[in-house]
Amino acid sequence: MTPHQNSPDVVRDLLHTPATWAVVGLGDNPDRTAYSVSSWLHHELGMKLVPVHPSGATVHGAQGYPSLADIPDGTVVQVVDCFVNSDRVGAVVDEAIAQRERLGIEALWLQLGVVDEDAAARAQAAGLSVVMDTCPKIEYPRVQPGDGAGAVTG
């Protein structure tokens, strides 16, 4: 299997297109990276958030849900952002594939340190864009709309 390579165009589009991001692993603990990165996505980039965490906590003013399957019908989630360990992300990817049609999921973002080549391949085979092993806050300064060039690898 060829290792996954992040597309600079996909990264740029995801970070510069207003969307709703389901952030898997986002609870109400402000000491967690998911909390600060999702706050940045919401406040700096204007993304709408849907927290996904077993607690179902409301975070950044957004109602949370225990799983992607629990997000109500009619909710459109373009991006599923995964703040879970690499050994658990495959199950999240499979759930995103299963919920793709119902929620309108277009892309998966596996955060820095989250790597599962097989899961990325399954997602791409299902028609989803995948960004893996990087953080939006790291990539944002590297990709600007219309620049056509990006130093995104992964």
C-alpha atoms as a PDB file:
ATOM      1  CA  MET A   1       0.000   0.000   0.000  1.00  0.00           C
ATOM      2  CA  THR A   2       1.250   3.460  -0.897  1.00  0.00           C
ATOM      3  CA  PRO A   3       1.497   5.698   2.174  1.00  0.00           C
ATOM      4  CA  HIS A   4      -1.175   8.391   2.351  1.00  0.00           C
ATOM      5  CA  GLN A   5      -0.122  11.827   1.125  1.00  0.00           C
ATOM      6  CA  ASN A   6      -2.079  14.911   2.156  1.00  0.00           C
ATOM      7  CA  SER A   7      -3.238  17.021  -0.759  1.00  0.00           C
ATOM      8  CA  PRO A   8      -2.416  20.727  -0.355  1.00  0.00           C
ATOM      9  CA  ASP A   9      -5.593  21.512  -2.330  1.00  0.00           C
ATOM     10  CA  VAL A  10      -7.759  19.474   0.055  1.00  0.00           C
ATOM     11  CA  VAL A  11      -6.111  21.074   3.099  1.00  0.00           C
ATOM     12  CA  ARG A  12      -6.601  24.555   1.649  1.00  0.00           C
ATOM     13  CA  ASP A  13     -10.243  23.893   0.737  1.00  0.00           C
ATOM     14  CA  LEU A  14     -11.065  22.478   4.170  1.00  0.00           C
ATOM     15  CA  LEU A  15      -9.488  25.391   6.021  1.00  0.00           C
ATOM     16  CA  HIS A  16     -10.872  28.149   3.789  1.00  0.00           C
ATOM     17  CA  THR A  17     -14.422  26.911   3.186  1.00  0.00           C
ATOM     18  CA  PRO A  18     -17.050  27.603   5.864  1.00  0.00           C
ATOM     19  CA  ALA A  19     -18.315  24.257   7.126  1.00  0.00           C
ATOM     20  CA  THR A  20     -19.521  22.268  10.092  1.00  0.00           C
ATOM     21  CA  TRP A  21     -16.843  20.135  11.727  1.00  0.00           C
ATOM     22  CA  ALA A  22     -17.746  17.208  13.993  1.00  0.00           C
ATOM     23  CA  VAL A  23     -14.837  17.083  16.431  1.00  0.00           C
ATOM     24  CA  VAL A  24     -14.513  13.530  17.740  1.00  0.00           C
ATOM     25  CA  GLY A  25     -12.850  13.505  21.141  1.00  0.00           C
ATOM     26  CA  LEU A  26     -13.988  17.039  22.044  1.00  0.00           C
ATOM     27  CA  GLY A  27     -15.146  17.174  25.636  1.00  0.00           C
ATOM     28  CA  ASP A  28     -15.438  20.102  28.027  1.00  0.00           C
ATOM     29  CA  ASN A  29     -11.877  19.856  29.424  1.00  0.00           C
ATOM     30  CA  PRO A  30     -10.100  23.119  28.507  1.00  0.00           C
ATOM     31  CA  ASP A  31      -6.702  21.491  29.135  1.00  0.00           C
ATOM     32  CA  ARG A  32      -7.106  19.149  26.154  1.00  0.00           C
ATOM     33  CA  THR A  33      -5.718  19.941  22.709  1.00  0.00           C
ATOM     34  CA  ALA A  34      -9.100  19.190  21.112  1.00  0.00           C
ATOM     35  CA  TYR A  35     -10.601  22.009  23.179  1.00  0.00           C
ATOM     36  CA  SER A  36      -8.088  24.666  22.114  1.00  0.00           C
ATOM     37  CA  VAL A  37      -7.872  23.631  18.444  1.00  0.00           C
ATOM     38  CA  SER A  38     -11.668  23.476  18.097  1.00  0.00           C
ATOM     39  CA  SER A  39     -11.954  26.895  19.739  1.00  0.00           C
ATOM     40  CA  TRP A  40      -9.513  28.223  17.136  1.00  0.00           C
ATOM     41  CA  LEU A  41     -11.468  26.564  14.301  1.00  0.00           C
ATOM     42  CA  HIS A  42     -14.665  28.166  15.591  1.00  0.00           C
ATOM     43  CA  HIS A  43     -13.466  31.627  16.612  1.00  0.00           C
ATOM     44  CA  GLU A  44     -10.698  32.247  14.063  1.00  0.00           C
ATOM     45  CA  LEU A  45     -11.962  30.355  11.002  1.00  0.00           C
ATOM     46  CA  GLY A  46     -15.702  30.608  11.680  1.00  0.00           C
ATOM     47  CA  MET A  47     -16.359  26.873  11.498  1.00  0.00           C
ATOM     48  CA  LYS A  48     -19.491  25.516  13.154  1.00  0.00           C
ATOM     49  CA  LEU A  49     -18.755  22.719  15.618  1.00  0.00           C
ATOM     50  CA  VAL A  50     -20.468  19.524  16.674  1.00  0.00           C
ATOM     51  CA  PRO A  51     -18.634  18.030  19.676  1.00  0.00           C
ATOM     52  CA  VAL A  52     -18.545  14.213  19.665  1.00  0.00           C
ATOM     53  CA  HIS A  53     -17.521  12.668  22.971  1.00  0.00           C
ATOM     54  CA  PRO A  54     -18.965   9.905  25.155  1.00  0.00           C
ATOM     55  CA  SER A  55     -20.061  12.605  27.640  1.00  0.00           C
ATOM     56  CA  GLY A  56     -22.120  14.406  24.990  1.00  0.00           C
ATOM     57  CA  ALA A  57     -21.055  17.668  26.639  1.00  0.00           C
ATOM     58  CA  THR A  58     -21.913  21.090  25.246  1.00  0.00           C
ATOM     59  CA  VAL A  59     -18.609  22.738  24.240  1.00  0.00           C
ATOM     60  CA  HIS A  60     -18.028  26.257  22.865  1.00  0.00           C
ATOM     61  CA  GLY A  61     -21.810  26.693  22.980  1.00  0.00           C
ATOM     62  CA  ALA A  62     -22.403  23.718  20.676  1.00  0.00           C
ATOM     63  CA  GLN A  63     -24.515  20.716  21.681  1.00  0.00           C
ATOM     64  CA  GLY A  64     -22.428  17.559  21.911  1.00  0.00           C
ATOM     65  CA  TYR A  65     -23.308  13.970  21.078  1.00  0.00           C
ATOM     66  CA  PRO A  66     -21.841  10.631  22.232  1.00  0.00           C
ATOM     67  CA  SER A  67     -21.171   9.435  18.669  1.00  0.00           C
ATOM     68  CA  LEU A  68     -21.564  10.427  15.025  1.00  0.00           C
ATOM     69  CA  ALA A  69     -24.594   8.126  14.855  1.00  0.00           C
ATOM     70  CA  ASP A  70     -26.261  10.208  17.604  1.00  0.00           C
ATOM     71  CA  ILE A  71     -26.082  13.455  15.616  1.00  0.00           C
ATOM     72  CA  PRO A  72     -29.668  14.254  14.584  1.00  0.00           C
ATOM     73  CA  ASP A  73     -30.960  13.734  11.066  1.00  0.00           C
ATOM     74  CA  GLY A  74     -30.889  16.960   9.091  1.00  0.00           C
ATOM     75  CA  THR A  75     -27.545  18.034  10.576  1.00  0.00           C
ATOM     76  CA  VAL A  76     -24.930  18.473   7.849  1.00  0.00           C
ATOM     77  CA  VAL A  77     -21.353  17.725   8.896  1.00  0.00           C
ATOM     78  CA  GLN A  78     -18.822  18.278   6.137  1.00  0.00           C
ATOM     79  CA  VAL A  79     -15.678  17.375   8.113  1.00  0.00           C
ATOM     80  CA  VAL A  80     -15.027  14.815  10.843  1.00  0.00           C
ATOM     81  CA  ASP A  81     -11.981  15.926  12.864  1.00  0.00           C
ATOM     82  CA  CYS A  82     -10.477  13.025  14.845  1.00  0.00           C
ATOM     83  CA  PHE A  83      -8.799  13.653  18.205  1.00  0.00           C
ATOM     84  CA  VAL A  84      -8.540   9.984  19.163  1.00  0.00           C
ATOM     85  CA  ASN A  85      -5.602   7.601  19.431  1.00  0.00           C
ATOM     86  CA  SER A  86      -4.394   5.929  16.261  1.00  0.00           C
ATOM     87  CA  ASP A  87      -5.503   2.527  17.578  1.00  0.00           C
ATOM     88  CA  ARG A  88      -9.083   3.835  17.940  1.00  0.00           C
ATOM     89  CA  VAL A  89      -9.396   6.015  14.841  1.00  0.00           C
ATOM     90  CA  GLY A  90     -10.277   3.123  12.513  1.00  0.00           C
ATOM     91  CA  ALA A  91     -13.611   2.671  14.297  1.00  0.00           C
ATOM     92  CA  VAL A  92     -14.309   6.427  13.998  1.00  0.00           C
ATOM     93  CA  VAL A  93     -13.465   6.321  10.287  1.00  0.00           C
ATOM     94  CA  ASP A  94     -15.788   3.349   9.790  1.00  0.00           C
ATOM     95  CA  GLU A  95     -18.578   5.192  11.617  1.00  0.00           C
ATOM     96  CA  ALA A  96     -17.981   8.279   9.448  1.00  0.00           C
ATOM     97  CA  ILE A  97     -18.217   6.106   6.327  1.00  0.00           C
ATOM     98  CA  ALA A  98     -21.461   4.580   7.627  1.00  0.00           C
ATOM     99  CA  GLN A  99     -22.904   8.046   8.431  1.00  0.00           C
ATOM    100  CA  ARG A 100     -21.542   9.710   5.276  1.00  0.00           C
ATOM    101  CA  GLU A 101     -24.769   9.877   3.316  1.00  0.00           C
ATOM    102  CA  ARG A 102     -26.989  10.787   6.271  1.00  0.00           C
ATOM    103  CA  LEU A 103     -24.765  13.617   7.525  1.00  0.00           C
ATOM    104  CA  GLY A 104     -23.232  14.756   4.225  1.00  0.00           C
ATOM    105  CA  ILE A 105     -19.680  13.966   5.383  1.00  0.00           C
ATOM    106  CA  GLU A 106     -17.103  14.933   2.763  1.00  0.00           C
ATOM    107  CA  ALA A 107     -13.770  14.699   4.573  1.00  0.00           C
ATOM    108  CA  LEU A 108     -11.881  13.277   7.520  1.00  0.00           C
ATOM    109  CA  TRP A 109      -9.105  15.114   9.338  1.00  0.00           C
ATOM    110  CA  LEU A 110      -6.895  12.887  11.490  1.00  0.00           C
ATOM    111  CA  GLN A 111      -5.001  15.091  13.897  1.00  0.00           C
ATOM    112  CA  LEU A 112      -1.250  15.300  14.474  1.00  0.00           C
ATOM    113  CA  GLY A 113       0.017  11.898  15.589  1.00  0.00           C
ATOM    114  CA  VAL A 114      -3.156  10.086  14.484  1.00  0.00           C
ATOM    115  CA  VAL A 115      -2.167   7.649  11.738  1.00  0.00           C
ATOM    116  CA  ASP A 116      -4.040   4.665  10.308  1.00  0.00           C
ATOM    117  CA  GLU A 117      -3.134   3.961   6.679  1.00  0.00           C
ATOM    118  CA  ASP A 118      -5.792   1.249   6.307  1.00  0.00           C
ATOM    119  CA  ALA A 119      -8.541   3.510   7.661  1.00  0.00           C
ATOM    120  CA  ALA A 120      -7.434   6.347   5.369  1.00  0.00           C
ATOM    121  CA  ALA A 121      -7.579   3.980   2.385  1.00  0.00           C
ATOM    122  CA  ARG A 122     -11.090   2.796   3.386  1.00  0.00           C
ATOM    123  CA  ALA A 123     -12.267   6.401   3.674  1.00  0.00           C
ATOM    124  CA  GLN A 124     -10.837   7.355   0.291  1.00  0.00           C
ATOM    125  CA  ALA A 125     -12.373   4.249  -1.306  1.00  0.00           C
ATOM    126  CA  ALA A 126     -15.720   5.432   0.122  1.00  0.00           C
ATOM    127  CA  GLY A 127     -15.264   8.805  -1.601  1.00  0.00           C
ATOM    128  CA  LEU A 128     -14.075  10.857   1.375  1.00  0.00           C
ATOM    129  CA  SER A 129     -11.119  13.236   1.312  1.00  0.00           C
ATOM    130  CA  VAL A 130      -8.563  12.500   4.019  1.00  0.00           C
ATOM    131  CA  VAL A 131      -5.980  14.644   5.793  1.00  0.00           C
ATOM    132  CA  MET A 132      -3.831  12.674   8.227  1.00  0.00           C
ATOM    133  CA  ASP A 133      -1.200  13.309  10.886  1.00  0.00           C
ATOM    134  CA  THR A 134      -1.346  17.096  10.999  1.00  0.00           C
ATOM    135  CA  CYS A 135      -3.201  19.927  12.717  1.00  0.00           C
ATOM    136  CA  PRO A 136      -5.294  22.687  11.126  1.00  0.00           C
ATOM    137  CA  LYS A 137      -3.422  25.311  13.161  1.00  0.00           C
ATOM    138  CA  ILE A 138      -0.132  24.085  11.673  1.00  0.00           C
ATOM    139  CA  GLU A 139      -1.432  23.890   8.126  1.00  0.00           C
ATOM    140  CA  TYR A 140      -3.409  27.142   7.999  1.00  0.00           C
ATOM    141  CA  PRO A 141      -0.383  29.471   7.603  1.00  0.00           C
ATOM    142  CA  ARG A 142       1.003  27.185   4.874  1.00  0.00           C
ATOM    143  CA  VAL A 143      -2.045  27.236   2.598  1.00  0.00           C
ATOM    144  CA  GLN A 144      -3.768  30.353   1.411  1.00  0.00           C
ATOM    145  CA  PRO A 145      -6.723  30.504  -0.968  1.00  0.00           C
ATOM    146  CA  GLY A 146      -5.710  30.410  -4.597  1.00  0.00           C
ATOM    147  CA  ASP A 147      -1.962  30.166  -4.004  1.00  0.00           C
ATOM    148  CA  GLY A 148      -1.770  26.739  -5.654  1.00  0.00           C
ATOM    149  CA  ALA A 149       1.301  25.878  -3.634  1.00  0.00           C
ATOM    150  CA  GLY A 150       1.496  24.212  -0.297  1.00  0.00           C
ATOM    151  CA  ALA A 151       4.128  22.531   1.799  1.00  0.00           C
ATOM    152  CA  VAL A 152       1.740  19.909   3.076  1.00  0.00           C
ATOM    153  CA  THR A 153       2.993  16.368   3.396  1.00  0.00           C
ATOM    154  CA  GLY A 154       1.991  13.533   5.545  1.00  0.00           C
END
